[in-house]
C-alpha atoms as a PDB file:
ATOM      1  CA  UNK A   1     137.189 135.822 109.453  1.00  0.00           C
ATOM      2  CA  UNK A   2     135.787 138.257 106.925  1.00  0.00           C
ATOM      3  CA  UNK A   3     132.033 138.849 107.803  1.00  0.00           C
ATOM      4  CA  UNK A   4     129.421 140.760 105.966  1.00  0.00           C
ATOM      5  CA  UNK A   5     126.398 141.635 107.916  1.00  0.00           C
ATOM      6  CA  UNK A   6     123.076 142.878 106.015  1.00  0.00           C
ATOM      7  CA  UNK A   7     120.665 144.872 108.049  1.00  0.00           C
ATOM      8  CA  UNK A   8     123.683 145.934 110.090  1.00  0.00           C
ATOM      9  CA  UNK A   9     122.159 149.229 111.458  1.00  0.00           C
ATOM     10  CA  UNK A  10     118.879 147.472 112.754  1.00  0.00           C
ATOM     11  CA  UNK A  11     118.228 146.538 116.446  1.00  0.00           C
ATOM     12  CA  UNK A  12     120.222 143.223 116.382  1.00  0.00           C
ATOM     13  CA  UNK A  13     122.678 144.567 113.882  1.00  0.00           C
ATOM     14  CA  UNK A  14     124.352 147.108 116.057  1.00  0.00           C
ATOM     15  CA  UNK A  15     125.274 144.847 118.795  1.00  0.00           C
ATOM     16  CA  UNK A  16     126.270 142.168 116.499  1.00  0.00           C
ATOM     17  CA  UNK A  17     128.574 144.337 114.702  1.00  0.00           C
ATOM     18  CA  UNK A  18     130.007 145.510 118.106  1.00  0.00           C
ATOM     19  CA  UNK A  19     130.435 141.949 119.313  1.00  0.00           C
ATOM     20  CA  UNK A  20     132.101 140.848 115.935  1.00  0.00           C
ATOM     21  CA  UNK A  21     134.805 143.724 115.921  1.00  0.00           C
ATOM     22  CA  UNK A  22     135.227 143.034 119.680  1.00  0.00           C
ATOM     23  CA  UNK A  23     136.274 139.508 118.828  1.00  0.00           C
ATOM     24  CA  UNK A  24     138.698 140.818 115.967  1.00  0.00           C
ATOM     25  CA  UNK A  25     136.721 139.882 112.860  1.00  0.00           C
ATOM     26  CA  UNK A  26     137.042 141.998 109.938  1.00  0.00           C
ATOM     27  CA  UNK A  27     133.602 143.567 109.434  1.00  0.00           C
ATOM     28  CA  UNK A  28     131.484 144.859 106.748  1.00  0.00           C
ATOM     29  CA  UNK A  29     128.137 146.321 107.644  1.00  0.00           C
ATOM     30  CA  UNK A  30     125.481 146.811 105.024  1.00  0.00           C
ATOM     31  CA  UNK A  31     123.075 149.581 105.468  1.00  0.00           C
ATOM     32  CA  UNK A  32     121.168 152.157 103.392  1.00  0.00           C
ATOM     33  CA  UNK A  33     120.992 155.056 105.688  1.00  0.00           C
ATOM     34  CA  UNK A  34     123.573 157.774 106.381  1.00  0.00           C
ATOM     35  CA  UNK A  35     123.124 157.432 109.984  1.00  0.00           C
ATOM     36  CA  UNK A  36     123.617 153.885 109.905  1.00  0.00           C
ATOM     37  CA  UNK A  37     126.768 154.128 108.100  1.00  0.00           C
ATOM     38  CA  UNK A  38     128.134 156.586 110.664  1.00  0.00           C
ATOM     39  CA  UNK A  39     127.427 154.437 113.478  1.00  0.00           C
ATOM     40  CA  UNK A  40     128.954 151.260 111.818  1.00  0.00           C
ATOM     41  CA  UNK A  41     132.191 153.181 110.963  1.00  0.00           C
ATOM     42  CA  UNK A  42     132.281 154.479 114.645  1.00  0.00           C
ATOM     43  CA  UNK A  43     132.286 151.080 115.797  1.00  0.00           C
ATOM     44  CA  UNK A  44     135.221 149.903 113.709  1.00  0.00           C
ATOM     45  CA  UNK A  45     133.287 148.313 110.685  1.00  0.00           C
ATOM     46  CA  UNK A  46     133.585 148.672 107.117  1.00  0.00           C
ATOM     47  CA  UNK A  47     130.393 150.225 105.578  1.00  0.00           C
ATOM     48  CA  UNK A  48     128.585 149.017 102.209  1.00  0.00           C
ATOM     49  CA  UNK A  49     125.838 151.670 101.504  1.00  0.00           C
ATOM     50  CA  UNK A  50     123.826 149.555  99.415  1.00  0.00           C
ATOM     51  CA  UNK A  51     120.175 148.546  99.074  1.00  0.00           C
ATOM     52  CA  UNK A  52     119.443 144.853  99.388  1.00  0.00           C
ATOM     53  CA  UNK A  53     116.983 145.228  96.271  1.00  0.00           C
ATOM     54  CA  UNK A  54     120.080 146.213  93.992  1.00  0.00           C
ATOM     55  CA  UNK A  55     121.403 142.694  93.563  1.00  0.00           C
ATOM     56  CA  UNK A  56     124.202 143.913  91.168  1.00  0.00           C
ATOM     57  CA  UNK A  57     125.448 146.482  93.891  1.00  0.00           C
ATOM     58  CA  UNK A  58     125.135 143.593  96.713  1.00  0.00           C
ATOM     59  CA  UNK A  59     127.287 141.405  94.811  1.00  0.00           C
ATOM     60  CA  UNK A  60     129.848 143.952  94.182  1.00  0.00           C
ATOM     61  CA  UNK A  61     129.854 144.843  97.943  1.00  0.00           C
ATOM     62  CA  UNK A  62     130.464 141.235  98.696  1.00  0.00           C
ATOM     63  CA  UNK A  63     133.046 140.863  96.184  1.00  0.00           C
ATOM     64  CA  UNK A  64     134.806 143.999  97.743  1.00  0.00           C
ATOM     65  CA  UNK A  65     134.514 142.566 101.285  1.00  0.00           C
ATOM     66  CA  UNK A  66     135.902 139.274 100.250  1.00  0.00           C
ATOM     67  CA  UNK A  67     133.420 137.951 102.704  1.00  0.00           C
ATOM     68  CA  UNK A  68     133.816 134.269 104.145  1.00  0.00           C
ATOM     69  CA  UNK A  69     130.703 134.584 106.041  1.00  0.00           C
ATOM     70  CA  UNK A  70     127.257 136.156 105.388  1.00  0.00           C
ATOM     71  CA  UNK A  71     124.892 137.071 108.200  1.00  0.00           C
ATOM     72  CA  UNK A  72     121.385 138.159 107.047  1.00  0.00           C
ATOM     73  CA  UNK A  73     119.699 140.191 109.591  1.00  0.00           C
ATOM     74  CA  UNK A  74     117.247 142.122 106.933  1.00  0.00           C
ATOM     75  CA  UNK A  75     114.129 143.441 108.453  1.00  0.00           C
ATOM     76  CA  UNK A  76     111.784 146.294 107.751  1.00  0.00           C
ATOM     77  CA  UNK A  77     109.878 146.535 110.992  1.00  0.00           C
ATOM     78  CA  UNK A  78     107.934 149.801 112.296  1.00  0.00           C
ATOM     79  CA  UNK A  79     108.961 151.566 115.444  1.00  0.00           C
ATOM     80  CA  UNK A  80     105.579 150.933 116.846  1.00  0.00           C
ATOM     81  CA  UNK A  81     104.125 147.099 116.709  1.00  0.00           C
ATOM     82  CA  UNK A  82     100.676 148.571 116.336  1.00  0.00           C
ATOM     83  CA  UNK A  83     101.989 149.370 112.674  1.00  0.00           C
ATOM     84  CA  UNK A  84     103.142 145.812 111.986  1.00  0.00           C
ATOM     85  CA  UNK A  85      99.980 144.799 109.849  1.00  0.00           C
ATOM     86  CA  UNK A  86     100.665 147.781 107.482  1.00  0.00           C
ATOM     87  CA  UNK A  87     104.451 147.182 107.669  1.00  0.00           C
ATOM     88  CA  UNK A  88     104.330 143.293 106.972  1.00  0.00           C
ATOM     89  CA  UNK A  89     104.255 143.150 103.219  1.00  0.00           C
ATOM     90  CA  UNK A  90     107.424 145.315 102.910  1.00  0.00           C
ATOM     91  CA  UNK A  91     109.002 143.347 105.711  1.00  0.00           C
ATOM     92  CA  UNK A  92     108.373 140.375 103.626  1.00  0.00           C
ATOM     93  CA  UNK A  93     109.717 141.650 100.261  1.00  0.00           C
ATOM     94  CA  UNK A  94     112.970 142.840 102.027  1.00  0.00           C
ATOM     95  CA  UNK A  95     113.498 139.362 103.728  1.00  0.00           C
ATOM     96  CA  UNK A  96     112.470 137.328 100.444  1.00  0.00           C
ATOM     97  CA  UNK A  97     113.544 139.595  97.850  1.00  0.00           C
ATOM     98  CA  UNK A  98     116.524 141.469  99.040  1.00  0.00           C
ATOM     99  CA  UNK A  99     117.536 138.319 101.141  1.00  0.00           C
ATOM    100  CA  UNK A 100     117.323 136.332  98.048  1.00  0.00           C
ATOM    101  CA  UNK A 101     119.690 138.992  96.152  1.00  0.00           C
ATOM    102  CA  UNK A 102     122.083 138.518  99.226  1.00  0.00           C
ATOM    103  CA  UNK A 103     121.987 134.846  99.101  1.00  0.00           C
ATOM    104  CA  UNK A 104     122.546 134.862  95.332  1.00  0.00           C
ATOM    105  CA  UNK A 105     125.540 137.286  95.683  1.00  0.00           C
ATOM    106  CA  UNK A 106     126.946 134.893  98.474  1.00  0.00           C
ATOM    107  CA  UNK A 107     126.732 132.104  96.194  1.00  0.00           C
ATOM    108  CA  UNK A 108     128.446 133.776  93.322  1.00  0.00           C
ATOM    109  CA  UNK A 109     131.143 135.043  95.502  1.00  0.00           C
ATOM    110  CA  UNK A 110     131.957 131.793  97.084  1.00  0.00           C
ATOM    111  CA  UNK A 111     130.961 132.542 100.518  1.00  0.00           C
ATOM    112  CA  UNK A 112     131.572 129.702 102.895  1.00  0.00           C
ATOM    113  CA  UNK A 113     128.808 130.085 105.531  1.00  0.00           C
ATOM    114  CA  UNK A 114     125.526 131.906 105.518  1.00  0.00           C
ATOM    115  CA  UNK A 115     123.772 132.776 108.801  1.00  0.00           C
ATOM    116  CA  UNK A 116     120.014 133.405 108.447  1.00  0.00           C
ATOM    117  CA  UNK A 117     117.661 135.328 110.807  1.00  0.00           C
ATOM    118  CA  UNK A 118     114.715 132.946 111.455  1.00  0.00           C
ATOM    119  CA  UNK A 119     111.984 132.851 114.171  1.00  0.00           C
ATOM    120  CA  UNK A 120     111.662 131.072 117.645  1.00  0.00           C
ATOM    121  CA  UNK A 121     107.912 132.189 118.131  1.00  0.00           C
ATOM    122  CA  UNK A 122     105.778 131.074 115.286  1.00  0.00           C
ATOM    123  CA  UNK A 123     106.473 127.405 116.070  1.00  0.00           C
ATOM    124  CA  UNK A 124     103.937 124.636 115.254  1.00  0.00           C
ATOM    125  CA  UNK A 125     101.318 124.499 118.278  1.00  0.00           C
ATOM    126  CA  UNK A 126     101.652 121.531 120.568  1.00  0.00           C
ATOM    127  CA  UNK A 127     102.544 120.656 124.199  1.00  0.00           C
ATOM    128  CA  UNK A 128     105.710 121.675 125.986  1.00  0.00           C
ATOM    129  CA  UNK A 129     108.740 123.430 124.446  1.00  0.00           C
ATOM    130  CA  UNK A 130     109.541 122.734 120.717  1.00  0.00           C
ATOM    131  CA  UNK A 131     112.815 121.771 119.746  1.00  0.00           C
ATOM    132  CA  UNK A 132     114.451 122.520 116.568  1.00  0.00           C
ATOM    133  CA  UNK A 133     112.762 119.510 114.707  1.00  0.00           C
ATOM    134  CA  UNK A 134     109.512 121.313 115.111  1.00  0.00           C
ATOM    135  CA  UNK A 135     108.054 122.880 112.027  1.00  0.00           C
ATOM    136  CA  UNK A 136     106.524 126.388 111.781  1.00  0.00           C
ATOM    137  CA  UNK A 137     102.777 127.247 112.289  1.00  0.00           C
ATOM    138  CA  UNK A 138     101.899 127.677 108.670  1.00  0.00           C
ATOM    139  CA  UNK A 139      98.438 126.754 109.476  1.00  0.00           C
ATOM    140  CA  UNK A 140      97.706 129.207 112.356  1.00  0.00           C
ATOM    141  CA  UNK A 141      95.654 132.555 112.125  1.00  0.00           C
ATOM    142  CA  UNK A 142      96.176 134.492 108.852  1.00  0.00           C
ATOM    143  CA  UNK A 143      99.134 136.797 109.848  1.00  0.00           C
ATOM    144  CA  UNK A 144     100.868 134.293 112.108  1.00  0.00           C
ATOM    145  CA  UNK A 145     100.563 131.946 109.251  1.00  0.00           C
ATOM    146  CA  UNK A 146     101.904 134.324 106.744  1.00  0.00           C
ATOM    147  CA  UNK A 147     104.756 134.862 108.846  1.00  0.00           C
ATOM    148  CA  UNK A 148     105.453 131.363 109.456  1.00  0.00           C
ATOM    149  CA  UNK A 149     105.390 130.783 105.750  1.00  0.00           C
ATOM    150  CA  UNK A 150     107.925 133.399 105.342  1.00  0.00           C
ATOM    151  CA  UNK A 151     110.348 132.116 107.894  1.00  0.00           C
ATOM    152  CA  UNK A 152     109.803 128.505 106.551  1.00  0.00           C
ATOM    153  CA  UNK A 153     110.745 129.847 103.026  1.00  0.00           C
ATOM    154  CA  UNK A 154     113.826 131.462 104.289  1.00  0.00           C
ATOM    155  CA  UNK A 155     115.016 128.454 106.478  1.00  0.00           C
ATOM    156  CA  UNK A 156     114.450 126.204 103.393  1.00  0.00           C
ATOM    157  CA  UNK A 157     116.621 128.131 101.254  1.00  0.00           C
ATOM    158  CA  UNK A 158     119.538 128.662 103.535  1.00  0.00           C
ATOM    159  CA  UNK A 159     119.642 125.055 104.427  1.00  0.00           C
ATOM    160  CA  UNK A 160     119.461 123.948 100.926  1.00  0.00           C
ATOM    161  CA  UNK A 161     121.914 126.349  99.565  1.00  0.00           C
ATOM    162  CA  UNK A 162     124.361 123.904  98.033  1.00  0.00           C
ATOM    163  CA  UNK A 163     128.047 124.010  98.808  1.00  0.00           C
ATOM    164  CA  UNK A 164     127.463 126.963 101.441  1.00  0.00           C
ATOM    165  CA  UNK A 165     127.115 125.990 105.170  1.00  0.00           C
ATOM    166  CA  UNK A 166     123.646 126.981 106.197  1.00  0.00           C
ATOM    167  CA  UNK A 167     122.655 127.931 109.491  1.00  0.00           C
ATOM    168  CA  UNK A 168     119.080 129.343 110.483  1.00  0.00           C
ATOM    169  CA  UNK A 169     119.086 131.228 113.968  1.00  0.00           C
ATOM    170  CA  UNK A 170     115.347 131.001 115.337  1.00  0.00           C
ATOM    171  CA  UNK A 171     115.512 134.211 117.898  1.00  0.00           C
ATOM    172  CA  UNK A 172     112.879 134.534 120.438  1.00  0.00           C
ATOM    173  CA  UNK A 173     111.230 137.961 120.907  1.00  0.00           C
ATOM    174  CA  UNK A 174     113.866 140.536 121.142  1.00  0.00           C
ATOM    175  CA  UNK A 175     114.005 142.683 124.314  1.00  0.00           C
ATOM    176  CA  UNK A 176     116.369 145.313 125.408  1.00  0.00           C
ATOM    177  CA  UNK A 177     117.855 148.571 123.957  1.00  0.00           C
ATOM    178  CA  UNK A 178     116.529 149.525 120.612  1.00  0.00           C
ATOM    179  CA  UNK A 179     113.859 146.990 120.815  1.00  0.00           C
ATOM    180  CA  UNK A 180     109.984 147.577 121.440  1.00  0.00           C
ATOM    181  CA  UNK A 181     110.248 145.858 124.859  1.00  0.00           C
ATOM    182  CA  UNK A 182     112.136 147.987 127.218  1.00  0.00           C
ATOM    183  CA  UNK A 183     110.816 150.885 129.621  1.00  0.00           C
ATOM    184  CA  UNK A 184     111.086 153.482 126.582  1.00  0.00           C
ATOM    185  CA  UNK A 185     109.903 151.205 123.996  1.00  0.00           C
ATOM    186  CA  UNK A 186     106.772 151.158 122.071  1.00  0.00           C
ATOM    187  CA  UNK A 187     105.253 148.019 123.778  1.00  0.00           C
ATOM    188  CA  UNK A 188     105.801 149.703 127.332  1.00  0.00           C
ATOM    189  CA  UNK A 189     103.776 152.710 126.022  1.00  0.00           C
ATOM    190  CA  UNK A 190     100.973 150.257 124.963  1.00  0.00           C
ATOM    191  CA  UNK A 191     100.904 148.564 128.240  1.00  0.00           C
ATOM    192  CA  UNK A 192     100.833 152.071 130.247  1.00  0.00           C
ATOM    193  CA  UNK A 193      97.900 153.085 127.884  1.00  0.00           C
ATOM    194  CA  UNK A 194      96.346 149.757 128.758  1.00  0.00           C
ATOM    195  CA  UNK A 195      96.165 148.549 125.007  1.00  0.00           C
ATOM    196  CA  UNK A 196      97.616 144.957 125.553  1.00  0.00           C
ATOM    197  CA  UNK A 197      95.114 143.064 127.487  1.00  0.00           C
ATOM    198  CA  UNK A 198      95.431 139.383 128.801  1.00  0.00           C
ATOM    199  CA  UNK A 199      93.177 137.622 126.498  1.00  0.00           C
ATOM    200  CA  UNK A 200      91.404 134.605 127.951  1.00  0.00           C
ATOM    201  CA  UNK A 201      93.628 132.760 130.338  1.00  0.00           C
ATOM    202  CA  UNK A 202      96.895 134.037 128.407  1.00  0.00           C
ATOM    203  CA  UNK A 203      98.314 130.454 128.000  1.00  0.00           C
ATOM    204  CA  UNK A 204     100.053 131.337 125.048  1.00  0.00           C
ATOM    205  CA  UNK A 205     104.031 130.781 125.827  1.00  0.00           C
ATOM    206  CA  UNK A 206     106.476 133.298 124.430  1.00  0.00           C
ATOM    207  CA  UNK A 207     110.007 132.587 124.130  1.00  0.00           C
ATOM    208  CA  UNK A 208     112.358 135.808 124.358  1.00  0.00           C
ATOM    209  CA  UNK A 209     116.206 136.768 124.171  1.00  0.00           C
ATOM    210  CA  UNK A 210     117.982 139.967 125.173  1.00  0.00           C
ATOM    211  CA  UNK A 211     119.218 141.642 122.164  1.00  0.00           C
ATOM    212  CA  UNK A 212     122.946 141.416 123.522  1.00  0.00           C
ATOM    213  CA  UNK A 213     122.471 137.841 124.058  1.00  0.00           C
ATOM    214  CA  UNK A 214     121.243 137.303 120.551  1.00  0.00           C
ATOM    215  CA  UNK A 215     124.304 139.157 119.200  1.00  0.00           C
ATOM    216  CA  UNK A 216     126.615 136.823 121.160  1.00  0.00           C
ATOM    217  CA  UNK A 217     124.966 133.590 119.881  1.00  0.00           C
ATOM    218  CA  UNK A 218     125.038 134.817 116.465  1.00  0.00           C
ATOM    219  CA  UNK A 219     128.759 135.400 116.690  1.00  0.00           C
ATOM    220  CA  UNK A 220     129.287 131.994 118.445  1.00  0.00           C
ATOM    221  CA  UNK A 221     127.288 130.517 115.485  1.00  0.00           C
ATOM    222  CA  UNK A 222     130.264 131.514 113.124  1.00  0.00           C
ATOM    223  CA  UNK A 223     131.936 128.046 114.153  1.00  0.00           C
ATOM    224  CA  UNK A 224     128.766 126.080 114.936  1.00  0.00           C
ATOM    225  CA  UNK A 225     127.797 122.947 112.947  1.00  0.00           C
ATOM    226  CA  UNK A 226     125.187 123.773 110.104  1.00  0.00           C
ATOM    227  CA  UNK A 227     121.533 123.592 111.010  1.00  0.00           C
ATOM    228  CA  UNK A 228     118.785 125.025 113.051  1.00  0.00           C
ATOM    229  CA  UNK A 229     119.373 126.571 116.418  1.00  0.00           C
ATOM    230  CA  UNK A 230     116.638 127.931 119.123  1.00  0.00           C
ATOM    231  CA  UNK A 231     118.267 131.388 120.252  1.00  0.00           C
ATOM    232  CA  UNK A 232     115.634 132.174 123.066  1.00  0.00           C
ATOM    233  CA  UNK A 233     116.035 132.501 127.007  1.00  0.00           C
ATOM    234  CA  UNK A 234     115.635 129.976 129.813  1.00  0.00           C
ATOM    235  CA  UNK A 235     112.123 131.418 130.830  1.00  0.00           C
ATOM    236  CA  UNK A 236     109.606 130.776 128.119  1.00  0.00           C
ATOM    237  CA  UNK A 237     106.632 132.401 129.917  1.00  0.00           C
ATOM    238  CA  UNK A 238     102.791 132.449 129.358  1.00  0.00           C
ATOM    239  CA  UNK A 239     101.235 135.829 128.812  1.00  0.00           C
ATOM    240  CA  UNK A 240      99.377 135.544 131.829  1.00  0.00           C
ATOM    241  CA  UNK A 241     102.719 135.588 133.708  1.00  0.00           C
ATOM    242  CA  UNK A 242     104.957 137.776 131.558  1.00  0.00           C
ATOM    243  CA  UNK A 243     102.482 140.603 130.740  1.00  0.00           C
ATOM    244  CA  UNK A 244     101.661 141.361 134.403  1.00  0.00           C
ATOM    245  CA  UNK A 245     105.243 141.346 135.200  1.00  0.00           C
ATOM    246  CA  UNK A 246     106.234 143.524 132.524  1.00  0.00           C
ATOM    247  CA  UNK A 247     103.514 145.982 133.176  1.00  0.00           C
ATOM    248  CA  UNK A 248     105.081 146.252 136.844  1.00  0.00           C
ATOM    249  CA  UNK A 249     108.512 146.658 135.318  1.00  0.00           C
ATOM    250  CA  UNK A 250     107.384 149.768 133.111  1.00  0.00           C
ATOM    251  CA  UNK A 251     105.495 151.269 135.751  1.00  0.00           C
ATOM    252  CA  UNK A 252     102.098 150.566 134.352  1.00  0.00           C
ATOM    253  CA  UNK A 253      98.906 149.489 135.781  1.00  0.00           C
ATOM    254  CA  UNK A 254      97.906 145.824 135.636  1.00  0.00           C
ATOM    255  CA  UNK A 255      96.749 144.847 131.958  1.00  0.00           C
ATOM    256  CA  UNK A 256      93.090 144.471 131.449  1.00  0.00           C
ATOM    257  CA  UNK A 257      91.609 141.127 130.808  1.00  0.00           C
ATOM    258  CA  UNK A 258      89.138 140.170 128.073  1.00  0.00           C
ATOM    259  CA  UNK A 259      87.564 137.116 126.916  1.00  0.00           C
ATOM    260  CA  UNK A 260      88.754 135.331 123.501  1.00  0.00           C
ATOM    261  CA  UNK A 261      85.237 136.313 121.753  1.00  0.00           C
ATOM    262  CA  UNK A 262      85.714 139.963 123.037  1.00  0.00           C
ATOM    263  CA  UNK A 263      89.525 140.134 121.564  1.00  0.00           C
ATOM    264  CA  UNK A 264      88.429 138.406 118.229  1.00  0.00           C
ATOM    265  CA  UNK A 265      85.866 140.952 117.801  1.00  0.00           C
ATOM    266  CA  UNK A 266      88.052 144.004 118.649  1.00  0.00           C
ATOM    267  CA  UNK A 267      91.478 142.988 117.404  1.00  0.00           C
ATOM    268  CA  UNK A 268      91.145 139.828 115.008  1.00  0.00           C
ATOM    269  CA  UNK A 269      92.205 136.240 115.281  1.00  0.00           C
ATOM    270  CA  UNK A 270      96.002 136.999 115.130  1.00  0.00           C
ATOM    271  CA  UNK A 271      95.883 138.907 118.532  1.00  0.00           C
ATOM    272  CA  UNK A 272      93.908 135.677 120.159  1.00  0.00           C
ATOM    273  CA  UNK A 273      96.733 133.368 118.689  1.00  0.00           C
ATOM    274  CA  UNK A 274      99.562 135.410 120.283  1.00  0.00           C
ATOM    275  CA  UNK A 275      98.000 135.364 123.776  1.00  0.00           C
ATOM    276  CA  UNK A 276      96.578 131.818 123.706  1.00  0.00           C
ATOM    277  CA  UNK A 277      98.505 129.407 121.218  1.00  0.00           C
ATOM    278  CA  UNK A 278     102.195 130.496 120.794  1.00  0.00           C
ATOM    279  CA  UNK A 279     104.256 127.857 121.722  1.00  0.00           C
ATOM    280  CA  UNK A 280     107.796 128.104 123.588  1.00  0.00           C
ATOM    281  CA  UNK A 281     110.963 127.153 122.575  1.00  0.00           C
ATOM    282  CA  UNK A 282     113.733 124.993 123.966  1.00  0.00           C
ATOM    283  CA  UNK A 283     117.355 126.282 123.657  1.00  0.00           C
ATOM    284  CA  UNK A 284     118.940 123.037 124.876  1.00  0.00           C
ATOM    285  CA  UNK A 285     120.634 122.626 121.365  1.00  0.00           C
ATOM    286  CA  UNK A 286     122.308 126.111 121.328  1.00  0.00           C
ATOM    287  CA  UNK A 287     123.486 125.459 125.060  1.00  0.00           C
ATOM    288  CA  UNK A 288     124.978 122.129 124.342  1.00  0.00           C
ATOM    289  CA  UNK A 289     126.397 123.033 121.013  1.00  0.00           C
ATOM    290  CA  UNK A 290     128.112 126.151 121.661  1.00  0.00           C
ATOM    291  CA  UNK A 291     127.503 127.082 125.485  1.00  0.00           C
ATOM    292  CA  UNK A 292     124.712 129.468 124.875  1.00  0.00           C
ATOM    293  CA  UNK A 293     124.029 131.435 128.406  1.00  0.00           C
ATOM    294  CA  UNK A 294     120.896 133.574 128.198  1.00  0.00           C
ATOM    295  CA  UNK A 295     120.292 135.962 131.146  1.00  0.00           C
ATOM    296  CA  UNK A 296     117.144 135.718 132.996  1.00  0.00           C
ATOM    297  CA  UNK A 297     114.175 137.646 131.694  1.00  0.00           C
ATOM    298  CA  UNK A 298     114.539 140.701 133.656  1.00  0.00           C
ATOM    299  CA  UNK A 299     110.787 141.556 134.430  1.00  0.00           C
ATOM    300  CA  UNK A 300     109.964 138.242 135.672  1.00  0.00           C
ATOM    301  CA  UNK A 301     111.006 138.964 139.277  1.00  0.00           C
ATOM    302  CA  UNK A 302     109.228 142.530 139.377  1.00  0.00           C
END
């Protein structure tokens, strides 16, 4: 297939490009950076040096690529999660406005299928693992709710995109090369500095996915029926389980423990929500539909 990937030089973009090229697809990667362009060309992809905010240039790039499928992996995330609050407005602007330009260009160029990055960890609170029929946590703590509303908007517009086949991939928290969650990643540094405590009982359940497993699943979604899929591992884990294991994995001391009241006063309601309210996701649909086989979360056995 002829595939156009936006956000191609990001954490998931690079392994995704590599996987698509490996499968023999004709791939164009969109990036703004010179370094990103060099990396994409070295992997065997054509390169579109285009800003997502330049709607006319995006449309021309898609026309030139003769794309059949567009994959939207646009993000603007900081190198350190501690800077996420400051980065959030720019990230939303890129996803909503830049992604909107991409979606309109795809429609204008007769693209057959549009695959959208979505979230598998801002799911509506409840008991048990959530399936794809569950909505997002739009009434959660302030920043969580804002993120959930953004993802709900992205899902809605891709699933209602007219003649195009729309797919929303709700990824879990990324870990592995190029992400925050690896031994030399920013979150590992936070854990080593004792900056990530377990809040309360740490019962918030996090769903994860290795970045390379996410790339494989995204490539598999090229031929899956339209709809929503949870791209998460088999081991959704409470913070009280995964965080101490992650600390051992990266050579850090055990994380400190604080009460919900202490955390709310020091770090705000969102920190408390992440540790106590997040809901895990079921991956059964992706496994049943296209044979998704995620690896075990590597630090659980440490």
